[in-house]
C-alpha atoms as a PDB file:
ATOM      1  CA  MET A   1     109.654 146.846  23.986  1.00  0.00           C
ATOM      2  CA  GLY A   2     112.507 147.999  26.295  1.00  0.00           C
ATOM      3  CA  ILE A   3     112.301 148.849  29.940  1.00  0.00           C
ATOM      4  CA  GLY A   4     109.705 151.369  31.006  1.00  0.00           C
ATOM      5  CA  GLY A   5     108.290 151.537  27.591  1.00  0.00           C
ATOM      6  CA  HIS A   6     104.441 151.947  26.826  1.00  0.00           C
ATOM      7  CA  SER A   7     102.090 150.277  24.654  1.00  0.00           C
ATOM      8  CA  GLY A   8      98.656 151.185  23.685  1.00  0.00           C
ATOM      9  CA  ASP A   9      96.509 154.112  25.553  1.00  0.00           C
ATOM     10  CA  ALA A  10      96.698 154.489  28.774  1.00  0.00           C
ATOM     11  CA  GLN A  11      94.670 152.485  31.205  1.00  0.00           C
ATOM     12  CA  GLY A  12      92.784 154.280  34.259  1.00  0.00           C
ATOM     13  CA  ASP A  13      93.514 153.125  37.598  1.00  0.00           C
ATOM     14  CA  GLU A  14      90.177 151.550  38.643  1.00  0.00           C
ATOM     15  CA  GLN A  15      91.250 150.662  42.503  1.00  0.00           C
ATOM     16  CA  PHE A  16      89.284 153.881  43.703  1.00  0.00           C
ATOM     17  CA  GLU A  17      86.163 155.294  43.211  1.00  0.00           C
ATOM     18  CA  ILE A  18      86.245 158.985  42.353  1.00  0.00           C
ATOM     19  CA  ASP A  19      82.409 159.784  43.092  1.00  0.00           C
ATOM     20  CA  ASP A  20      81.550 159.881  46.582  1.00  0.00           C
ATOM     21  CA  ALA A  21      77.774 161.631  47.188  1.00  0.00           C
ATOM     22  CA  ARG A  22      78.056 161.589  50.800  1.00  0.00           C
ATOM     23  CA  THR A  23      77.933 164.600  52.666  1.00  0.00           C
ATOM     24  CA  VAL A  24      79.978 165.746  55.308  1.00  0.00           C
ATOM     25  CA  ASP A  25      77.493 165.078  57.833  1.00  0.00           C
ATOM     26  CA  GLU A  26      77.161 161.700  56.375  1.00  0.00           C
ATOM     27  CA  ILE A  27      80.820 160.861  56.635  1.00  0.00           C
ATOM     28  CA  TYR A  28      81.498 162.672  60.149  1.00  0.00           C
ATOM     29  CA  SER A  29      78.409 160.763  61.568  1.00  0.00           C
ATOM     30  CA  MET A  30      79.835 157.337  60.444  1.00  0.00           C
ATOM     31  CA  ILE A  31      83.405 157.992  61.651  1.00  0.00           C
ATOM     32  CA  LEU A  32      81.871 158.935  65.114  1.00  0.00           C
ATOM     33  CA  SER A  33      79.839 155.513  64.913  1.00  0.00           C
ATOM     34  CA  GLU A  34      83.419 153.815  64.813  1.00  0.00           C
ATOM     35  CA  ASN A  35      84.370 155.689  67.894  1.00  0.00           C
ATOM     36  CA  LEU A  36      86.705 157.756  66.112  1.00  0.00           C
ATOM     37  CA  GLU A  37      86.915 161.282  66.538  1.00  0.00           C
ATOM     38  CA  PRO A  38      86.627 163.307  63.162  1.00  0.00           C
ATOM     39  CA  VAL A  39      89.045 166.234  63.180  1.00  0.00           C
ATOM     40  CA  MET A  40      88.030 169.194  60.768  1.00  0.00           C
ATOM     41  CA  SER A  41      91.324 170.864  60.445  1.00  0.00           C
ATOM     42  CA  GLU A  42      93.378 172.121  57.390  1.00  0.00           C
ATOM     43  CA  TYR A  43      96.454 172.121  59.028  1.00  0.00           C
ATOM     44  CA  ILE A  44      97.940 171.022  62.812  1.00  0.00           C
ATOM     45  CA  TYR A  45     100.373 173.111  64.528  1.00  0.00           C
ATOM     46  CA  VAL A  46     103.143 170.594  66.069  1.00  0.00           C
END
């Protein structure tokens, strides 16, 4: 097999969870509990 070749079926990356059952409110509260400021914005003008 040469450089950049692939063998077998592609394997998924198990580094990150793709299923998070927490609500936005739960995550917002967790961020506040770390003395951080949650920013709910689609974009920020600079």
